[in-house]
Amino acid sequence: MYLELNFQIDYTMTSIIRIVRMTFSESNTVVFEALFAKHSDEISSQSGCFSVELVTDASNPNVRTTISRWDNEGSLNKYRKSVLFGKVWPETKQLFSAPPEVISYISQSKSHLQ
């Protein structure tokens, strides 16, 4: 006897996308990139962090944006209270030539399991 089961499970996953747009002087852009390279693995290893990415503005070579994805706002806030953030953020803030722009988004992605 052979029984075939076909089913599909749809679910929606939510996460937090944190975007931080930062403007630097030309010399501090290089300093920030080195700082990011030094700490990006540690940041992405934080509990609840799925990824962290650094991108360059297409029209302004001294603007960098970090895009990080977190499982929820609690994980992001836990990182923001961590020793690592307490070390990295003050170093980063010293390099700004303009105030940063910080935006958080809630992402909802739909997935299918079969």
C-alpha atoms as a PDB file:
ATOM      1  CA  MET A   1       0.000   0.000   0.000  1.00  0.00           C
ATOM      2  CA  TYR A   2       1.345   3.423  -0.974  1.00  0.00           C
ATOM      3  CA  LEU A   3       0.085   6.677   0.491  1.00  0.00           C
ATOM      4  CA  GLU A   4       1.174  10.007  -0.938  1.00  0.00           C
ATOM      5  CA  LEU A   5       0.867  13.150   1.131  1.00  0.00           C
ATOM      6  CA  ASN A   6       1.132  16.575  -0.438  1.00  0.00           C
ATOM      7  CA  PHE A   7       1.023  19.650   1.716  1.00  0.00           C
ATOM      8  CA  GLN A   8       2.359  23.170   1.855  1.00  0.00           C
ATOM      9  CA  ILE A   9       2.890  25.366   4.879  1.00  0.00           C
ATOM     10  CA  ASP A  10       2.941  29.118   4.400  1.00  0.00           C
ATOM     11  CA  TYR A  11       4.424  31.293   7.083  1.00  0.00           C
ATOM     12  CA  THR A  12       5.437  34.904   7.458  1.00  0.00           C
ATOM     13  CA  MET A  13       8.752  35.748   9.063  1.00  0.00           C
ATOM     14  CA  THR A  14       9.309  39.205  10.489  1.00  0.00           C
ATOM     15  CA  SER A  15      12.663  40.794  11.154  1.00  0.00           C
ATOM     16  CA  ILE A  16      14.120  44.232  11.799  1.00  0.00           C
ATOM     17  CA  ILE A  17      16.233  45.961   9.181  1.00  0.00           C
ATOM     18  CA  ARG A  18      18.422  48.707  10.638  1.00  0.00           C
ATOM     19  CA  ILE A  19      19.882  51.276   8.251  1.00  0.00           C
ATOM     20  CA  VAL A  20      22.495  53.770   9.430  1.00  0.00           C
ATOM     21  CA  ARG A  21      23.609  56.366   6.848  1.00  0.00           C
ATOM     22  CA  MET A  22      26.828  58.146   7.798  1.00  0.00           C
ATOM     23  CA  THR A  23      28.781  60.982   6.179  1.00  0.00           C
ATOM     24  CA  PHE A  24      32.535  61.255   6.659  1.00  0.00           C
ATOM     25  CA  SER A  25      35.369  63.419   5.416  1.00  0.00           C
ATOM     26  CA  GLU A  26      37.490  61.727   2.767  1.00  0.00           C
ATOM     27  CA  SER A  27      40.225  60.797   5.245  1.00  0.00           C
ATOM     28  CA  ASN A  28      37.742  59.515   7.844  1.00  0.00           C
ATOM     29  CA  THR A  29      35.959  57.361   5.270  1.00  0.00           C
ATOM     30  CA  VAL A  30      39.056  55.174   5.090  1.00  0.00           C
ATOM     31  CA  VAL A  31      39.315  55.094   8.893  1.00  0.00           C
ATOM     32  CA  PHE A  32      35.658  54.039   9.184  1.00  0.00           C
ATOM     33  CA  GLU A  33      36.044  51.288   6.591  1.00  0.00           C
ATOM     34  CA  ALA A  34      38.942  49.853   8.609  1.00  0.00           C
ATOM     35  CA  LEU A  35      36.849  50.069  11.797  1.00  0.00           C
ATOM     36  CA  PHE A  36      33.944  48.288  10.089  1.00  0.00           C
ATOM     37  CA  ALA A  37      36.243  45.568   8.715  1.00  0.00           C
ATOM     38  CA  LYS A  38      37.682  45.040  12.191  1.00  0.00           C
ATOM     39  CA  HIS A  39      34.299  44.618  13.922  1.00  0.00           C
ATOM     40  CA  SER A  40      31.802  43.397  11.288  1.00  0.00           C
ATOM     41  CA  ASP A  41      32.274  39.701  12.113  1.00  0.00           C
ATOM     42  CA  GLU A  42      31.748  40.415  15.816  1.00  0.00           C
ATOM     43  CA  ILE A  43      28.613  42.424  15.064  1.00  0.00           C
ATOM     44  CA  SER A  44      27.132  39.773  12.780  1.00  0.00           C
ATOM     45  CA  SER A  45      27.877  37.149  15.468  1.00  0.00           C
ATOM     46  CA  GLN A  46      25.658  38.931  18.007  1.00  0.00           C
ATOM     47  CA  SER A  47      22.643  36.957  19.127  1.00  0.00           C
ATOM     48  CA  GLY A  48      19.737  37.665  16.778  1.00  0.00           C
ATOM     49  CA  CYS A  49      21.824  39.272  14.023  1.00  0.00           C
ATOM     50  CA  PHE A  50      21.333  37.651  10.626  1.00  0.00           C
ATOM     51  CA  SER A  51      23.693  39.906   8.678  1.00  0.00           C
ATOM     52  CA  VAL A  52      25.498  43.230   8.504  1.00  0.00           C
ATOM     53  CA  GLU A  53      26.589  44.914   5.282  1.00  0.00           C
ATOM     54  CA  LEU A  54      28.442  48.097   4.363  1.00  0.00           C
ATOM     55  CA  VAL A  55      27.471  49.956   1.182  1.00  0.00           C
ATOM     56  CA  THR A  56      28.708  53.143  -0.488  1.00  0.00           C
ATOM     57  CA  ASP A  57      26.388  55.887  -1.716  1.00  0.00           C
ATOM     58  CA  ALA A  58      26.376  55.875  -5.529  1.00  0.00           C
ATOM     59  CA  SER A  59      26.492  59.684  -5.750  1.00  0.00           C
ATOM     60  CA  ASN A  60      28.601  60.617  -2.712  1.00  0.00           C
ATOM     61  CA  PRO A  61      31.832  58.680  -2.148  1.00  0.00           C
ATOM     62  CA  ASN A  62      32.080  59.856   1.481  1.00  0.00           C
ATOM     63  CA  VAL A  63      28.724  58.422   2.531  1.00  0.00           C
ATOM     64  CA  ARG A  64      28.581  54.892   3.909  1.00  0.00           C
ATOM     65  CA  THR A  65      25.519  53.001   5.040  1.00  0.00           C
ATOM     66  CA  THR A  66      25.334  49.934   7.206  1.00  0.00           C
ATOM     67  CA  ILE A  67      22.406  47.600   6.695  1.00  0.00           C
ATOM     68  CA  SER A  68      21.845  45.035   9.396  1.00  0.00           C
ATOM     69  CA  ARG A  69      19.068  42.492   9.783  1.00  0.00           C
ATOM     70  CA  TRP A  70      17.916  41.335  13.220  1.00  0.00           C
ATOM     71  CA  ASP A  71      15.396  38.722  14.289  1.00  0.00           C
ATOM     72  CA  ASN A  72      13.525  41.282  16.414  1.00  0.00           C
ATOM     73  CA  GLU A  73      13.826  44.682  18.039  1.00  0.00           C
ATOM     74  CA  GLY A  74      14.829  43.091  21.340  1.00  0.00           C
ATOM     75  CA  SER A  75      17.950  41.590  19.765  1.00  0.00           C
ATOM     76  CA  LEU A  76      18.862  44.920  18.183  1.00  0.00           C
ATOM     77  CA  ASN A  77      18.404  46.720  21.502  1.00  0.00           C
ATOM     78  CA  LYS A  78      20.443  44.088  23.329  1.00  0.00           C
ATOM     79  CA  TYR A  79      23.304  44.718  20.872  1.00  0.00           C
ATOM     80  CA  ARG A  80      22.918  48.484  21.345  1.00  0.00           C
ATOM     81  CA  LYS A  81      23.455  47.940  25.102  1.00  0.00           C
ATOM     82  CA  SER A  82      26.425  45.592  24.602  1.00  0.00           C
ATOM     83  CA  VAL A  83      30.080  46.198  25.409  1.00  0.00           C
ATOM     84  CA  LEU A  84      30.874  45.859  21.696  1.00  0.00           C
ATOM     85  CA  PHE A  85      28.459  48.625  20.681  1.00  0.00           C
ATOM     86  CA  GLY A  86      29.753  50.740  23.564  1.00  0.00           C
ATOM     87  CA  LYS A  87      33.196  50.475  22.012  1.00  0.00           C
ATOM     88  CA  VAL A  88      32.393  50.740  18.290  1.00  0.00           C
ATOM     89  CA  TRP A  89      29.737  53.485  18.263  1.00  0.00           C
ATOM     90  CA  PRO A  90      31.760  56.154  20.132  1.00  0.00           C
ATOM     91  CA  GLU A  91      34.727  55.509  17.807  1.00  0.00           C
ATOM     92  CA  THR A  92      32.422  55.815  14.798  1.00  0.00           C
ATOM     93  CA  LYS A  93      30.685  58.992  16.028  1.00  0.00           C
ATOM     94  CA  GLN A  94      34.016  60.790  16.268  1.00  0.00           C
ATOM     95  CA  LEU A  95      34.493  60.333  12.512  1.00  0.00           C
ATOM     96  CA  PHE A  96      31.205  61.921  11.339  1.00  0.00           C
ATOM     97  CA  SER A  97      31.190  65.123   9.319  1.00  0.00           C
ATOM     98  CA  ALA A  98      27.359  65.316   9.577  1.00  0.00           C
ATOM     99  CA  PRO A  99      24.773  63.760  11.900  1.00  0.00           C
ATOM    100  CA  PRO A 100      23.922  60.153  10.965  1.00  0.00           C
ATOM    101  CA  GLU A 101      20.499  59.106   9.731  1.00  0.00           C
ATOM    102  CA  VAL A 102      19.140  56.008  11.459  1.00  0.00           C
ATOM    103  CA  ILE A 103      16.039  54.155  10.303  1.00  0.00           C
ATOM    104  CA  SER A 104      14.563  50.827  11.378  1.00  0.00           C
ATOM    105  CA  TYR A 105      12.122  48.864   9.236  1.00  0.00           C
ATOM    106  CA  ILE A 106      10.005  45.818   9.970  1.00  0.00           C
ATOM    107  CA  SER A 107      10.405  43.296   7.186  1.00  0.00           C
ATOM    108  CA  GLN A 108       7.790  40.661   6.494  1.00  0.00           C
ATOM    109  CA  SER A 109       8.839  37.880   4.170  1.00  0.00           C
ATOM    110  CA  LYS A 110       6.588  35.035   3.211  1.00  0.00           C
ATOM    111  CA  SER A 111       7.996  31.530   2.842  1.00  0.00           C
ATOM    112  CA  HIS A 112       6.617  28.210   1.723  1.00  0.00           C
ATOM    113  CA  LEU A 113       7.491  24.750   3.036  1.00  0.00           C
ATOM    114  CA  GLN A 114       6.447  21.710   1.078  1.00  0.00           C
END
